[in-house]
């Protein structure tokens, strides 16, 4: 039961991130007097999926002087730390700030 609730929480977090990404792009486009992300689907709804596909298909450039382990594991660790800290935050009816 705990695993299912954590899976639902992770899906909700990812959906919220996708929604806020669309809203941020829309607000910035209105500030710049343009339409915004509307190339993918109706009103840009599938834009986060297109961004993820573009990110996954990009090729890595090899740098001779870089630490390869740190280059590959740093983004993963940053995501894991934020996902581990998120369930610790109080989500009660009356959260204490």
C-alpha atoms as a PDB file:
ATOM      1  CA  UNK A   1       0.000   0.000   0.000  1.00  0.00           C
ATOM      2  CA  UNK A   2       2.865   2.354   0.800  1.00  0.00           C
ATOM      3  CA  UNK A   3       4.484   1.706  -2.574  1.00  0.00           C
ATOM      4  CA  UNK A   4       1.245   2.496  -4.396  1.00  0.00           C
ATOM      5  CA  UNK A   5       0.800   5.758  -2.490  1.00  0.00           C
ATOM      6  CA  UNK A   6       4.416   6.769  -3.188  1.00  0.00           C
ATOM      7  CA  UNK A   7       3.932   5.928  -6.871  1.00  0.00           C
ATOM      8  CA  UNK A   8       0.783   8.053  -6.986  1.00  0.00           C
ATOM      9  CA  UNK A   9       2.664  10.875  -5.245  1.00  0.00           C
ATOM     10  CA  UNK A  10       5.503  10.680  -7.793  1.00  0.00           C
ATOM     11  CA  UNK A  11       3.046  10.744 -10.704  1.00  0.00           C
ATOM     12  CA  UNK A  12       1.268  13.758  -9.215  1.00  0.00           C
ATOM     13  CA  UNK A  13       4.575  15.579  -8.750  1.00  0.00           C
ATOM     14  CA  UNK A  14       5.598  14.919 -12.352  1.00  0.00           C
ATOM     15  CA  UNK A  15       2.195  16.064 -13.619  1.00  0.00           C
ATOM     16  CA  UNK A  16       2.452  19.238 -11.527  1.00  0.00           C
ATOM     17  CA  UNK A  17       5.910  19.963 -12.931  1.00  0.00           C
ATOM     18  CA  UNK A  18       4.607  19.504 -16.476  1.00  0.00           C
ATOM     19  CA  UNK A  19       1.636  21.789 -15.779  1.00  0.00           C
ATOM     20  CA  UNK A  20       3.776  24.512 -14.193  1.00  0.00           C
ATOM     21  CA  UNK A  21       6.200  24.325 -17.110  1.00  0.00           C
ATOM     22  CA  UNK A  22       3.353  24.983 -19.537  1.00  0.00           C
ATOM     23  CA  UNK A  23       2.025  27.826 -17.388  1.00  0.00           C
ATOM     24  CA  UNK A  24       5.474  29.406 -17.090  1.00  0.00           C
ATOM     25  CA  UNK A  25       5.932  29.311 -20.853  1.00  0.00           C
ATOM     26  CA  UNK A  26       2.473  30.784 -21.405  1.00  0.00           C
ATOM     27  CA  UNK A  27       3.063  33.642 -18.942  1.00  0.00           C
ATOM     28  CA  UNK A  28       6.452  34.430 -20.461  1.00  0.00           C
ATOM     29  CA  UNK A  29       4.973  34.384 -23.949  1.00  0.00           C
ATOM     30  CA  UNK A  30       2.219  36.802 -22.934  1.00  0.00           C
ATOM     31  CA  UNK A  31       4.842  39.096 -21.410  1.00  0.00           C
ATOM     32  CA  UNK A  32       6.689  39.036 -24.740  1.00  0.00           C
ATOM     33  CA  UNK A  33       3.439  39.530 -26.702  1.00  0.00           C
ATOM     34  CA  UNK A  34       3.439  36.211 -28.560  1.00  0.00           C
ATOM     35  CA  UNK A  35       1.300  33.062 -28.509  1.00  0.00           C
ATOM     36  CA  UNK A  36       3.570  30.731 -26.581  1.00  0.00           C
ATOM     37  CA  UNK A  37       4.129  27.001 -26.965  1.00  0.00           C
ATOM     38  CA  UNK A  38       1.491  25.966 -29.467  1.00  0.00           C
ATOM     39  CA  UNK A  39       3.463  23.814 -31.899  1.00  0.00           C
ATOM     40  CA  UNK A  40       2.774  20.517 -30.152  1.00  0.00           C
ATOM     41  CA  UNK A  41      -0.893  19.546 -29.873  1.00  0.00           C
ATOM     42  CA  UNK A  42      -3.755  21.845 -28.916  1.00  0.00           C
ATOM     43  CA  UNK A  43      -2.480  24.918 -27.018  1.00  0.00           C
ATOM     44  CA  UNK A  44       0.865  23.221 -26.370  1.00  0.00           C
ATOM     45  CA  UNK A  45      -0.491  20.593 -23.977  1.00  0.00           C
ATOM     46  CA  UNK A  46       2.008  17.949 -25.142  1.00  0.00           C
ATOM     47  CA  UNK A  47       4.962  20.374 -25.037  1.00  0.00           C
ATOM     48  CA  UNK A  48       6.543  18.792 -21.888  1.00  0.00           C
ATOM     49  CA  UNK A  49       6.499  15.374 -23.583  1.00  0.00           C
ATOM     50  CA  UNK A  50       8.161  16.859 -26.666  1.00  0.00           C
ATOM     51  CA  UNK A  51      10.758  18.537 -24.431  1.00  0.00           C
ATOM     52  CA  UNK A  52      11.487  15.242 -22.670  1.00  0.00           C
ATOM     53  CA  UNK A  53      11.857  13.420 -26.001  1.00  0.00           C
ATOM     54  CA  UNK A  54      14.226  16.111 -27.238  1.00  0.00           C
ATOM     55  CA  UNK A  55      16.251  15.886 -24.030  1.00  0.00           C
ATOM     56  CA  UNK A  56      16.538  12.100 -24.235  1.00  0.00           C
ATOM     57  CA  UNK A  57      17.598  12.118 -27.893  1.00  0.00           C
ATOM     58  CA  UNK A  58      20.331  14.715 -27.487  1.00  0.00           C
ATOM     59  CA  UNK A  59      23.871  13.418 -27.809  1.00  0.00           C
ATOM     60  CA  UNK A  60      26.432  13.908 -25.090  1.00  0.00           C
ATOM     61  CA  UNK A  61      29.591  15.808 -25.909  1.00  0.00           C
ATOM     62  CA  UNK A  62      32.727  14.279 -24.480  1.00  0.00           C
ATOM     63  CA  UNK A  63      35.003  16.612 -22.586  1.00  0.00           C
ATOM     64  CA  UNK A  64      38.555  15.440 -22.006  1.00  0.00           C
ATOM     65  CA  UNK A  65      39.117  17.288 -18.741  1.00  0.00           C
ATOM     66  CA  UNK A  66      35.803  16.493 -17.056  1.00  0.00           C
ATOM     67  CA  UNK A  67      35.039  13.882 -14.453  1.00  0.00           C
ATOM     68  CA  UNK A  68      32.669  11.539 -16.285  1.00  0.00           C
ATOM     69  CA  UNK A  69      31.105  10.025 -13.166  1.00  0.00           C
ATOM     70  CA  UNK A  70      30.227  13.432 -11.761  1.00  0.00           C
ATOM     71  CA  UNK A  71      28.959  14.585 -15.149  1.00  0.00           C
ATOM     72  CA  UNK A  72      26.479  11.723 -15.396  1.00  0.00           C
ATOM     73  CA  UNK A  73      25.514  11.252 -11.739  1.00  0.00           C
ATOM     74  CA  UNK A  74      25.063  14.887 -10.637  1.00  0.00           C
ATOM     75  CA  UNK A  75      21.658  15.470 -12.300  1.00  0.00           C
ATOM     76  CA  UNK A  76      20.446  12.084 -11.096  1.00  0.00           C
ATOM     77  CA  UNK A  77      21.528  12.801  -7.533  1.00  0.00           C
ATOM     78  CA  UNK A  78      19.895  16.241  -7.594  1.00  0.00           C
ATOM     79  CA  UNK A  79      16.604  14.684  -8.703  1.00  0.00           C
ATOM     80  CA  UNK A  80      16.846  11.883  -6.150  1.00  0.00           C
ATOM     81  CA  UNK A  81      17.562  14.311  -3.291  1.00  0.00           C
ATOM     82  CA  UNK A  82      14.569  16.470  -4.191  1.00  0.00           C
ATOM     83  CA  UNK A  83      12.311  13.411  -4.486  1.00  0.00           C
ATOM     84  CA  UNK A  84      13.516  12.068  -1.119  1.00  0.00           C
ATOM     85  CA  UNK A  85      12.979  15.402   0.646  1.00  0.00           C
ATOM     86  CA  UNK A  86       9.509  16.046  -0.826  1.00  0.00           C
ATOM     87  CA  UNK A  87       7.604  13.343   1.163  1.00  0.00           C
ATOM     88  CA  UNK A  88       9.122  14.660   4.396  1.00  0.00           C
ATOM     89  CA  UNK A  89       7.396  18.020   3.934  1.00  0.00           C
ATOM     90  CA  UNK A  90       4.232  18.418   6.008  1.00  0.00           C
ATOM     91  CA  UNK A  91       1.091  17.955   3.939  1.00  0.00           C
ATOM     92  CA  UNK A  92      -1.535  18.120   6.617  1.00  0.00           C
ATOM     93  CA  UNK A  93      -4.710  20.152   6.530  1.00  0.00           C
ATOM     94  CA  UNK A  94      -3.073  22.954   8.541  1.00  0.00           C
ATOM     95  CA  UNK A  95       0.665  22.929   7.750  1.00  0.00           C
ATOM     96  CA  UNK A  96       3.006  24.728  10.099  1.00  0.00           C
ATOM     97  CA  UNK A  97       5.286  27.154   8.273  1.00  0.00           C
END
